[in-house]
Amino acid sequence: LPTLVNFYSLLPLPTLDNFCSMLPLAALVDFCSL
C-alpha cells in the first residue's frame, strides 16, 4: 500500500491543507492538523 504522503500526492488538489479542509469528518481534519 502507498504511504499517506503518496496517497495525498495523487489527489488533484494543490495542497494537503486544502484537502484536509474539505474532509467532512472532524477526526480526519484533526489528523491532518497534527
N, C-alpha and C. Protein backbone atom coordinates (compact mmCIF):
# COMPACT_ATOMS: atom_id res chain seq x y z
N LEU A 1 0.84 -1.21 0.00
CA LEU A 1 0.00 0.00 0.00
C LEU A 1 0.87 1.26 0.00
N PRO A 2 0.41 2.28 -0.69
CA PRO A 2 1.16 3.53 -0.73
C PRO A 2 1.11 4.24 0.62
N THR A 3 2.09 5.07 0.86
CA THR A 3 2.11 5.83 2.11
C THR A 3 1.08 6.95 2.04
N LEU A 4 0.77 7.55 3.18
CA LEU A 4 -0.19 8.66 3.19
C LEU A 4 0.30 9.81 2.32
N VAL A 5 1.61 10.03 2.36
CA VAL A 5 2.17 11.11 1.54
C VAL A 5 1.94 10.83 0.07
N ASN A 6 2.18 9.59 -0.34
CA ASN A 6 1.96 9.23 -1.74
C ASN A 6 0.49 9.33 -2.11
N PHE A 7 -0.37 8.92 -1.18
CA PHE A 7 -1.81 8.98 -1.42
C PHE A 7 -2.26 10.42 -1.65
N TYR A 8 -1.80 11.32 -0.78
CA TYR A 8 -2.19 12.72 -0.91
C TYR A 8 -1.60 13.35 -2.17
N SER A 9 -0.41 12.91 -2.56
CA SER A 9 0.25 13.49 -3.74
C SER A 9 -0.49 13.10 -5.03
N LEU A 10 -1.29 12.04 -4.96
CA LEU A 10 -2.05 11.60 -6.14
C LEU A 10 -3.37 12.35 -6.28
N LEU A 11 -3.77 13.04 -5.24
CA LEU A 11 -5.04 13.76 -5.28
C LEU A 11 -4.91 15.03 -6.13
N PRO A 12 -5.95 15.34 -6.92
CA PRO A 12 -5.93 16.53 -7.78
C PRO A 12 -6.20 17.80 -6.98
N LEU A 13 -5.42 18.02 -5.95
CA LEU A 13 -5.60 19.20 -5.10
C LEU A 13 -4.24 19.86 -4.90
N PRO A 14 -4.22 21.17 -4.78
CA PRO A 14 -2.95 21.91 -4.69
C PRO A 14 -2.14 21.58 -3.44
N THR A 15 -2.82 21.43 -2.30
CA THR A 15 -2.08 21.17 -1.07
C THR A 15 -2.83 20.22 -0.15
N LEU A 16 -2.11 19.63 0.77
CA LEU A 16 -2.72 18.73 1.74
C LEU A 16 -3.66 19.50 2.66
N ASP A 17 -3.30 20.73 2.99
CA ASP A 17 -4.14 21.56 3.85
C ASP A 17 -5.51 21.77 3.21
N ASN A 18 -5.52 22.02 1.91
CA ASN A 18 -6.80 22.23 1.22
C ASN A 18 -7.64 20.97 1.26
N PHE A 19 -7.00 19.83 1.10
CA PHE A 19 -7.71 18.55 1.14
C PHE A 19 -8.31 18.34 2.52
N CYS A 20 -7.52 18.61 3.55
CA CYS A 20 -7.99 18.41 4.92
C CYS A 20 -9.17 19.32 5.22
N SER A 21 -9.17 20.51 4.68
CA SER A 21 -10.25 21.46 4.96
C SER A 21 -11.56 21.02 4.31
N MET A 22 -11.47 20.08 3.36
CA MET A 22 -12.66 19.61 2.65
C MET A 22 -13.24 18.35 3.27
N LEU A 23 -12.49 17.73 4.21
CA LEU A 23 -12.97 16.50 4.83
C LEU A 23 -14.16 16.76 5.72
N PRO A 24 -15.18 15.90 5.65
CA PRO A 24 -16.41 16.08 6.43
C PRO A 24 -16.29 15.59 7.87
N LEU A 25 -15.24 14.82 8.16
CA LEU A 25 -15.10 14.25 9.50
C LEU A 25 -14.10 15.05 10.32
N ALA A 26 -14.53 15.49 11.49
CA ALA A 26 -13.65 16.29 12.36
C ALA A 26 -12.41 15.51 12.74
N ALA A 27 -12.55 14.21 12.92
CA ALA A 27 -11.42 13.37 13.31
C ALA A 27 -10.33 13.40 12.23
N LEU A 28 -10.73 13.36 10.97
CA LEU A 28 -9.75 13.38 9.89
C LEU A 28 -9.09 14.75 9.80
N VAL A 29 -9.88 15.79 10.02
CA VAL A 29 -9.33 17.15 9.99
C VAL A 29 -8.29 17.30 11.09
N ASP A 30 -8.62 16.76 12.28
CA ASP A 30 -7.68 16.82 13.40
C ASP A 30 -6.41 16.05 13.06
N PHE A 31 -6.56 14.91 12.39
CA PHE A 31 -5.40 14.10 12.00
C PHE A 31 -4.50 14.89 11.05
N CYS A 32 -5.11 15.60 10.11
CA CYS A 32 -4.34 16.37 9.14
C CYS A 32 -3.60 17.52 9.81
N SER A 33 -4.17 18.03 10.89
CA SER A 33 -3.56 19.19 11.56
C SER A 33 -2.42 18.78 12.49
N LEU A 34 -2.23 17.47 12.67
CA LEU A 34 -1.17 17.01 13.57
C LEU A 34 0.21 17.30 12.97
